[in-house]
């Protein structure tokens, strides 16, 4: 079970931290990812993090602006979003696994105003 939180309306240039709380599986042994989906577009794989938190992947589209982190003691995954732009407006999902196709949460809306 994955539950995202922290979505909001934010102005362009601002920052936002989206969280995901996991339950029902061994989070500390699981690779995790973030994806997003804008209306009318395909899902976009943004970032991934290994179970221990060392190995990470950040897509070129958000590299330098977004970072992924986790706290295994809290069964939580995070996506720090900086210098956001209107094109970052989308539903953001946490995903179990390394890649975009695993079990996902219900999603959280992030809207960036210009």
N, C-alpha and C. Protein backbone atom coordinates (compact mmCIF):
# COMPACT_ATOMS: atom_id res chain seq x y z
N UNK A 1 0.86 -1.17 0.00
CA UNK A 1 0.00 0.00 0.00
C UNK A 1 0.90 1.23 0.00
N UNK A 2 0.62 2.16 -0.91
CA UNK A 2 1.43 3.37 -1.06
C UNK A 2 0.51 4.58 -1.02
N UNK A 3 0.84 5.56 -0.18
CA UNK A 3 0.01 6.75 -0.05
C UNK A 3 0.88 7.98 -0.19
N UNK A 4 0.62 8.75 -1.25
CA UNK A 4 1.36 9.99 -1.48
C UNK A 4 0.72 11.15 -0.74
N UNK A 5 1.55 12.13 -0.40
CA UNK A 5 1.05 13.35 0.23
C UNK A 5 1.99 14.50 -0.11
N UNK A 6 1.53 15.71 0.16
CA UNK A 6 2.38 16.88 -0.04
C UNK A 6 2.13 17.63 -1.32
N UNK A 7 1.24 17.13 -2.15
CA UNK A 7 0.94 17.86 -3.37
C UNK A 7 0.28 19.20 -3.06
N UNK A 8 0.44 20.13 -3.99
CA UNK A 8 -0.08 21.46 -3.72
C UNK A 8 -0.03 22.31 -4.98
N UNK A 9 -0.53 23.53 -4.84
CA UNK A 9 -0.38 24.55 -5.87
C UNK A 9 0.83 25.39 -5.48
N UNK A 10 1.79 25.51 -6.39
CA UNK A 10 3.02 26.23 -6.10
C UNK A 10 3.34 27.13 -7.29
N UNK A 11 3.96 28.26 -7.00
CA UNK A 11 4.34 29.19 -8.06
C UNK A 11 5.60 28.73 -8.77
N UNK A 12 5.70 29.05 -10.02
CA UNK A 12 6.91 28.73 -10.77
C UNK A 12 8.13 29.29 -10.06
N UNK A 13 9.17 28.49 -10.02
CA UNK A 13 10.38 28.88 -9.31
C UNK A 13 10.43 28.43 -7.86
N UNK A 14 9.31 27.96 -7.37
CA UNK A 14 9.23 27.54 -5.98
C UNK A 14 9.66 26.09 -5.79
N UNK A 15 9.45 25.61 -4.56
CA UNK A 15 9.86 24.26 -4.20
C UNK A 15 8.71 23.52 -3.54
N UNK A 16 8.79 22.20 -3.62
CA UNK A 16 7.76 21.35 -3.02
C UNK A 16 8.39 20.00 -2.70
N UNK A 17 7.96 19.40 -1.60
CA UNK A 17 8.42 18.07 -1.25
C UNK A 17 7.23 17.13 -1.19
N UNK A 18 7.24 16.13 -2.01
CA UNK A 18 6.17 15.14 -2.05
C UNK A 18 6.64 13.89 -1.33
N UNK A 19 5.76 13.32 -0.52
CA UNK A 19 6.11 12.14 0.27
C UNK A 19 5.26 10.95 -0.10
N UNK A 20 5.75 9.77 0.24
CA UNK A 20 5.00 8.53 0.02
C UNK A 20 5.24 7.61 1.21
N UNK A 21 4.17 7.21 1.85
CA UNK A 21 4.29 6.30 2.99
C UNK A 21 3.89 4.91 2.53
N UNK A 22 4.75 3.94 2.81
CA UNK A 22 4.54 2.57 2.35
C UNK A 22 4.13 1.66 3.50
N UNK A 23 3.32 0.68 3.19
CA UNK A 23 2.95 -0.33 4.16
C UNK A 23 2.59 -1.62 3.42
N UNK A 24 2.61 -2.72 4.15
CA UNK A 24 2.19 -3.99 3.57
C UNK A 24 3.28 -4.77 2.86
N UNK A 25 4.50 -4.24 2.84
CA UNK A 25 5.62 -4.97 2.26
C UNK A 25 6.90 -4.46 2.95
N UNK A 26 7.99 -5.16 2.69
CA UNK A 26 9.25 -4.78 3.34
C UNK A 26 9.88 -3.63 2.57
N UNK A 27 9.55 -2.43 3.01
CA UNK A 27 10.00 -1.23 2.30
C UNK A 27 11.52 -1.16 2.24
N UNK A 28 12.18 -1.50 3.33
CA UNK A 28 13.63 -1.33 3.40
C UNK A 28 14.38 -2.25 2.43
N UNK A 29 13.69 -3.25 1.89
CA UNK A 29 14.31 -4.16 0.93
C UNK A 29 13.89 -3.85 -0.51
N UNK A 30 13.11 -2.82 -0.68
CA UNK A 30 12.50 -2.55 -1.99
C UNK A 30 13.08 -1.33 -2.67
N UNK A 31 13.39 -1.49 -3.95
CA UNK A 31 13.70 -0.31 -4.77
C UNK A 31 12.40 0.45 -4.98
N UNK A 32 12.51 1.77 -5.13
CA UNK A 32 11.33 2.60 -5.27
C UNK A 32 11.55 3.65 -6.35
N UNK A 33 10.46 4.10 -6.93
CA UNK A 33 10.54 5.09 -8.01
C UNK A 33 9.45 6.15 -7.85
N UNK A 34 9.64 7.24 -8.56
CA UNK A 34 8.61 8.27 -8.74
C UNK A 34 8.32 8.39 -10.23
N UNK A 35 7.04 8.50 -10.55
CA UNK A 35 6.63 8.81 -11.91
C UNK A 35 5.62 9.94 -11.86
N UNK A 36 5.34 10.53 -12.99
CA UNK A 36 4.28 11.53 -13.05
C UNK A 36 3.52 11.36 -14.37
N UNK A 37 2.30 11.83 -14.36
CA UNK A 37 1.50 11.77 -15.57
C UNK A 37 0.68 13.04 -15.70
N UNK A 38 0.91 13.76 -16.77
CA UNK A 38 0.16 14.96 -17.08
C UNK A 38 -1.05 14.58 -17.93
N UNK A 39 -2.10 15.38 -17.92
CA UNK A 39 -3.29 15.07 -18.70
C UNK A 39 -2.97 14.86 -20.18
N UNK A 40 -3.43 13.76 -20.72
CA UNK A 40 -3.24 13.48 -22.13
C UNK A 40 -1.85 12.99 -22.51
N UNK A 41 -1.01 12.75 -21.51
CA UNK A 41 0.37 12.31 -21.80
C UNK A 41 0.64 10.95 -21.17
N UNK A 42 1.69 10.30 -21.68
CA UNK A 42 2.12 9.03 -21.12
C UNK A 42 2.81 9.25 -19.77
N UNK A 43 2.79 8.23 -18.91
CA UNK A 43 3.54 8.36 -17.65
C UNK A 43 5.03 8.61 -17.91
N UNK A 44 5.64 9.39 -17.07
CA UNK A 44 7.04 9.76 -17.21
C UNK A 44 7.79 9.30 -15.96
N UNK A 45 8.78 8.47 -16.15
CA UNK A 45 9.60 7.97 -15.03
C UNK A 45 10.60 9.04 -14.66
N UNK A 46 10.53 9.52 -13.42
CA UNK A 46 11.36 10.64 -12.98
C UNK A 46 12.62 10.21 -12.23
N UNK A 47 12.46 9.27 -11.32
CA UNK A 47 13.57 8.96 -10.42
C UNK A 47 13.37 7.59 -9.80
N UNK A 48 14.50 7.03 -9.35
CA UNK A 48 14.47 5.76 -8.65
C UNK A 48 15.58 5.74 -7.61
N UNK A 49 15.39 4.89 -6.60
CA UNK A 49 16.38 4.79 -5.53
C UNK A 49 16.46 3.35 -5.07
N UNK A 50 17.67 2.89 -4.85
CA UNK A 50 17.88 1.53 -4.39
C UNK A 50 17.43 1.39 -2.93
N UNK A 51 17.32 0.15 -2.49
CA UNK A 51 16.78 -0.11 -1.16
C UNK A 51 17.59 0.55 -0.05
N UNK A 52 18.90 0.60 -0.22
CA UNK A 52 19.76 1.21 0.78
C UNK A 52 19.90 2.71 0.65
N UNK A 53 19.38 3.26 -0.44
CA UNK A 53 19.38 4.70 -0.62
C UNK A 53 20.62 5.27 -1.28
N UNK A 54 21.56 4.41 -1.68
CA UNK A 54 22.80 4.93 -2.26
C UNK A 54 22.66 5.10 -3.77
N UNK A 55 22.32 4.02 -4.46
CA UNK A 55 22.17 4.10 -5.91
C UNK A 55 20.87 4.85 -6.26
N UNK A 56 21.00 5.80 -7.17
CA UNK A 56 19.86 6.62 -7.57
C UNK A 56 19.88 6.84 -9.08
N UNK A 57 18.68 7.04 -9.60
CA UNK A 57 18.51 7.43 -10.99
C UNK A 57 17.65 8.69 -11.01
N UNK A 58 18.05 9.67 -11.79
CA UNK A 58 17.25 10.88 -12.00
C UNK A 58 17.16 11.10 -13.51
N UNK A 59 15.97 11.23 -14.02
CA UNK A 59 15.79 11.45 -15.45
C UNK A 59 16.36 12.81 -15.86
N UNK A 60 16.88 12.86 -17.07
CA UNK A 60 17.48 14.10 -17.57
C UNK A 60 16.50 15.27 -17.54
N UNK A 61 15.20 14.96 -17.67
CA UNK A 61 14.20 16.03 -17.73
C UNK A 61 14.10 16.82 -16.43
N UNK A 62 14.52 16.23 -15.32
CA UNK A 62 14.41 16.90 -14.03
C UNK A 62 15.74 16.94 -13.27
N UNK A 63 16.79 16.45 -13.92
CA UNK A 63 18.10 16.42 -13.25
C UNK A 63 18.54 17.83 -12.90
N UNK A 64 19.07 17.97 -11.69
CA UNK A 64 19.50 19.28 -11.22
C UNK A 64 18.40 20.04 -10.50
N UNK A 65 17.15 19.59 -10.64
CA UNK A 65 16.03 20.25 -9.96
C UNK A 65 15.34 19.32 -8.95
N UNK A 66 15.21 18.06 -9.27
CA UNK A 66 14.53 17.09 -8.40
C UNK A 66 15.55 16.15 -7.77
N UNK A 67 15.29 15.77 -6.52
CA UNK A 67 16.09 14.75 -5.86
C UNK A 67 15.17 13.73 -5.19
N UNK A 68 15.63 12.50 -5.13
CA UNK A 68 14.87 11.42 -4.51
C UNK A 68 15.61 10.98 -3.25
N UNK A 69 14.84 10.67 -2.22
CA UNK A 69 15.42 10.23 -0.96
C UNK A 69 14.45 9.27 -0.27
N UNK A 70 14.95 8.58 0.72
CA UNK A 70 14.09 7.67 1.47
C UNK A 70 14.54 7.61 2.92
N UNK A 71 13.60 7.23 3.76
CA UNK A 71 13.88 7.00 5.18
C UNK A 71 13.29 5.63 5.51
N UNK A 72 14.14 4.63 5.55
CA UNK A 72 13.63 3.27 5.77
C UNK A 72 13.06 3.09 7.17
N UNK A 73 13.52 3.86 8.12
CA UNK A 73 12.97 3.77 9.48
C UNK A 73 11.52 4.25 9.52
N UNK A 74 11.16 5.12 8.59
CA UNK A 74 9.80 5.65 8.53
C UNK A 74 8.99 5.07 7.38
N UNK A 75 9.56 4.09 6.66
CA UNK A 75 8.88 3.51 5.49
C UNK A 75 8.40 4.59 4.53
N UNK A 76 9.26 5.56 4.30
CA UNK A 76 8.85 6.73 3.52
C UNK A 76 9.82 7.04 2.38
N UNK A 77 9.24 7.51 1.31
CA UNK A 77 9.97 7.92 0.11
C UNK A 77 9.64 9.39 -0.14
N UNK A 78 10.63 10.13 -0.66
CA UNK A 78 10.45 11.56 -0.86
C UNK A 78 10.90 11.99 -2.25
N UNK A 79 10.29 13.05 -2.74
CA UNK A 79 10.74 13.69 -3.97
C UNK A 79 10.80 15.19 -3.69
N UNK A 80 12.00 15.73 -3.65
CA UNK A 80 12.19 17.16 -3.46
C UNK A 80 12.23 17.81 -4.83
N UNK A 81 11.33 18.77 -5.02
CA UNK A 81 11.20 19.43 -6.31
C UNK A 81 11.57 20.89 -6.13
N UNK A 82 12.60 21.33 -6.83
CA UNK A 82 13.05 22.72 -6.77
C UNK A 82 12.93 23.39 -8.13
N UNK A 83 12.88 24.70 -8.12
CA UNK A 83 12.82 25.48 -9.37
C UNK A 83 11.75 24.93 -10.30
N UNK A 84 10.56 24.71 -9.75
CA UNK A 84 9.51 24.08 -10.55
C UNK A 84 9.03 25.02 -11.66
N UNK A 85 8.54 24.42 -12.72
CA UNK A 85 8.02 25.15 -13.89
C UNK A 85 6.61 24.64 -14.18
N UNK A 86 5.82 25.40 -14.93
CA UNK A 86 4.44 24.94 -15.21
C UNK A 86 4.37 23.56 -15.84
N UNK A 87 5.41 23.18 -16.58
CA UNK A 87 5.43 21.86 -17.21
C UNK A 87 5.57 20.72 -16.20
N UNK A 88 5.84 21.04 -14.94
CA UNK A 88 5.89 20.02 -13.89
C UNK A 88 4.50 19.68 -13.36
N UNK A 89 3.49 20.40 -13.81
CA UNK A 89 2.12 20.12 -13.38
C UNK A 89 1.70 18.72 -13.83
N UNK A 90 1.31 17.89 -12.86
CA UNK A 90 0.96 16.50 -13.17
C UNK A 90 0.48 15.81 -11.90
N UNK A 91 -0.01 14.58 -12.08
CA UNK A 91 -0.22 13.68 -10.96
C UNK A 91 1.09 12.94 -10.70
N UNK A 92 1.52 12.94 -9.47
CA UNK A 92 2.78 12.30 -9.09
C UNK A 92 2.48 11.03 -8.31
N UNK A 93 3.16 9.94 -8.70
CA UNK A 93 2.93 8.63 -8.09
C UNK A 93 4.24 8.05 -7.58
N UNK A 94 4.20 7.42 -6.43
CA UNK A 94 5.33 6.58 -6.04
C UNK A 94 5.04 5.16 -6.51
N UNK A 95 6.09 4.46 -6.86
CA UNK A 95 5.99 3.15 -7.47
C UNK A 95 6.94 2.19 -6.78
N UNK A 96 6.47 1.01 -6.49
CA UNK A 96 7.34 -0.02 -5.92
C UNK A 96 8.15 -0.64 -7.04
N UNK A 97 9.49 -0.54 -6.91
CA UNK A 97 10.37 -1.12 -7.91
C UNK A 97 11.22 -0.09 -8.61
N UNK A 98 12.13 -0.57 -9.42
CA UNK A 98 13.05 0.29 -10.20
C UNK A 98 12.48 0.40 -11.60
N UNK A 99 11.74 1.46 -11.84
CA UNK A 99 11.09 1.62 -13.13
C UNK A 99 9.66 2.07 -12.94
N UNK A 100 8.95 2.32 -14.04
CA UNK A 100 7.62 2.92 -13.96
C UNK A 100 6.45 1.95 -13.86
N UNK A 101 6.69 0.64 -13.87
CA UNK A 101 5.60 -0.31 -14.08
C UNK A 101 5.14 -1.08 -12.86
N UNK A 102 5.65 -0.81 -11.69
CA UNK A 102 5.27 -1.54 -10.50
C UNK A 102 3.98 -1.02 -9.88
N UNK A 103 3.65 -1.58 -8.72
CA UNK A 103 2.49 -1.13 -7.98
C UNK A 103 2.66 0.34 -7.61
N UNK A 104 1.59 1.13 -7.80
CA UNK A 104 1.70 2.55 -7.52
C UNK A 104 0.62 2.98 -6.54
N UNK A 105 0.84 4.16 -5.96
CA UNK A 105 -0.16 4.74 -5.08
C UNK A 105 -1.28 5.38 -5.87
N UNK A 106 -2.13 6.12 -5.18
CA UNK A 106 -3.27 6.75 -5.84
C UNK A 106 -2.90 8.05 -6.54
N UNK A 107 -1.71 8.54 -6.22
CA UNK A 107 -1.23 9.76 -6.87
C UNK A 107 -1.58 11.01 -6.09
N UNK A 108 -0.79 12.05 -6.31
CA UNK A 108 -1.03 13.34 -5.67
C UNK A 108 -0.84 14.42 -6.72
N UNK A 109 -1.72 15.42 -6.71
CA UNK A 109 -1.67 16.47 -7.72
C UNK A 109 -0.68 17.55 -7.33
N UNK A 110 0.18 17.88 -8.28
CA UNK A 110 1.07 19.04 -8.15
C UNK A 110 0.73 19.98 -9.30
N UNK A 111 0.44 21.22 -8.94
CA UNK A 111 0.10 22.22 -9.94
C UNK A 111 1.03 23.41 -9.78
N UNK A 112 1.68 23.77 -10.87
CA UNK A 112 2.63 24.89 -10.86
C UNK A 112 2.02 26.04 -11.67
N UNK A 113 1.86 27.16 -11.02
CA UNK A 113 1.29 28.33 -11.69
C UNK A 113 2.41 29.22 -12.22
N UNK A 114 2.14 29.87 -13.34
CA UNK A 114 3.16 30.72 -13.95
C UNK A 114 3.06 32.14 -13.43
